[in-house]
């Protein structure tokens, strides 16, 4: 897992009331990555999940499940809404 830096409070999307906590981690390249959705990409191209764990390179995504990188990335928006609804 990447180095944990802090949590940040952010407003919920879609005009929803309230805030939620987002984990911020440090990438191997030194940049901060806000882990606010299912897949979070650093400026250097490294991907992290919402828990701050570094993901495998996109070239191997879906090898076991038959999914493509775009299948995984499309789920970001749906998961974000579930998380904001307290799921």
Protein backbone atom coordinates (compact mmCIF):
# COMPACT_ATOMS: atom_id res chain seq x y z
CA UNK A 1 0.00 0.00 0.00
CA UNK A 2 1.18 3.52 -0.72
CA UNK A 3 2.22 5.79 2.14
CA UNK A 4 -0.85 7.22 3.87
CA UNK A 5 -0.68 11.00 4.20
CA UNK A 6 -4.05 12.16 5.55
CA UNK A 7 -7.81 12.18 5.15
CA UNK A 8 -9.58 15.12 3.48
CA UNK A 9 -13.22 16.10 3.84
CA UNK A 10 -14.89 16.67 0.46
CA UNK A 11 -18.41 17.64 -0.54
CA UNK A 12 -20.62 14.93 -1.95
CA UNK A 13 -21.25 15.12 -5.68
CA UNK A 14 -24.56 15.77 -7.39
CA UNK A 15 -25.66 18.49 -4.98
CA UNK A 16 -26.03 16.02 -2.10
CA UNK A 17 -25.77 17.43 1.40
CA UNK A 18 -22.88 16.56 3.66
CA UNK A 19 -19.27 15.58 3.26
CA UNK A 20 -17.26 12.39 3.02
CA UNK A 21 -13.68 11.46 3.92
CA UNK A 22 -11.16 10.77 1.16
CA UNK A 23 -7.82 9.04 1.75
CA UNK A 24 -4.75 10.82 0.34
CA UNK A 25 -1.64 8.70 -0.31
CA UNK A 26 1.85 9.35 -1.67
CA UNK A 27 2.73 7.63 -4.94
CA UNK A 28 6.19 6.16 -5.52
CA UNK A 29 6.91 9.19 -7.73
CA UNK A 30 6.28 11.54 -4.78
CA UNK A 31 2.93 12.97 -5.92
CA UNK A 32 -0.17 12.98 -3.72
CA UNK A 33 -3.10 10.89 -4.98
CA UNK A 34 -6.64 11.51 -3.71
CA UNK A 35 -8.35 8.12 -3.52
CA UNK A 36 -11.89 9.35 -4.01
CA UNK A 37 -13.24 6.80 -6.49
CA UNK A 38 -12.91 3.15 -7.48
CA UNK A 39 -9.78 3.83 -9.57
CA UNK A 40 -7.52 6.86 -8.96
CA UNK A 41 -4.65 7.71 -11.30
CA UNK A 42 -1.49 9.59 -10.39
CA UNK A 43 0.05 12.04 -12.85
CA UNK A 44 2.79 9.43 -13.48
CA UNK A 45 0.16 6.88 -14.61
CA UNK A 46 0.11 4.64 -11.51
CA UNK A 47 -3.38 3.57 -10.41
CA UNK A 48 -4.71 3.21 -6.87
CA UNK A 49 -7.98 1.88 -5.48
CA UNK A 50 -10.23 3.75 -3.03
CA UNK A 51 -8.32 2.24 -0.08
CA UNK A 52 -4.99 3.59 -1.32
CA UNK A 53 -3.54 0.30 -2.57
CA UNK A 54 -1.48 0.51 -5.75
CA UNK A 55 -3.04 -1.48 -8.57
CA UNK A 56 -1.34 -3.66 -11.17
CA UNK A 57 -0.50 -2.13 -14.53
CA UNK A 58 -3.55 -1.65 -16.75
CA UNK A 59 -2.06 -3.94 -19.38
CA UNK A 60 -2.89 -6.91 -17.12
CA UNK A 61 -6.32 -5.76 -15.93
CA UNK A 62 -9.03 -8.31 -16.64
CA UNK A 63 -6.75 -11.26 -17.40
CA UNK A 64 -8.62 -13.43 -14.90
CA UNK A 65 -12.09 -11.94 -15.35
CA UNK A 66 -12.18 -11.11 -19.05
CA UNK A 67 -12.80 -7.42 -18.31
CA UNK A 68 -11.02 -4.61 -20.10
CA UNK A 69 -9.56 -1.52 -18.43
CA UNK A 70 -12.51 0.49 -19.77
CA UNK A 71 -14.96 -1.94 -18.09
CA UNK A 72 -13.26 -1.30 -14.76
CA UNK A 73 -13.07 2.47 -15.21
CA UNK A 74 -16.77 2.75 -16.16
CA UNK A 75 -17.68 1.38 -12.73
CA UNK A 76 -16.02 4.38 -11.02
CA UNK A 77 -19.04 6.65 -11.37
CA UNK A 78 -21.50 3.99 -10.14
CA UNK A 79 -19.36 3.09 -7.11
CA UNK A 80 -18.84 6.74 -6.18
CA UNK A 81 -22.61 7.23 -5.92
CA UNK A 82 -22.97 4.07 -3.80
CA UNK A 83 -20.25 5.23 -1.41
CA UNK A 84 -21.82 8.65 -1.08
CA UNK A 85 -25.17 7.07 -0.27
CA UNK A 86 -23.57 5.32 2.71
CA UNK A 87 -23.09 1.90 1.15
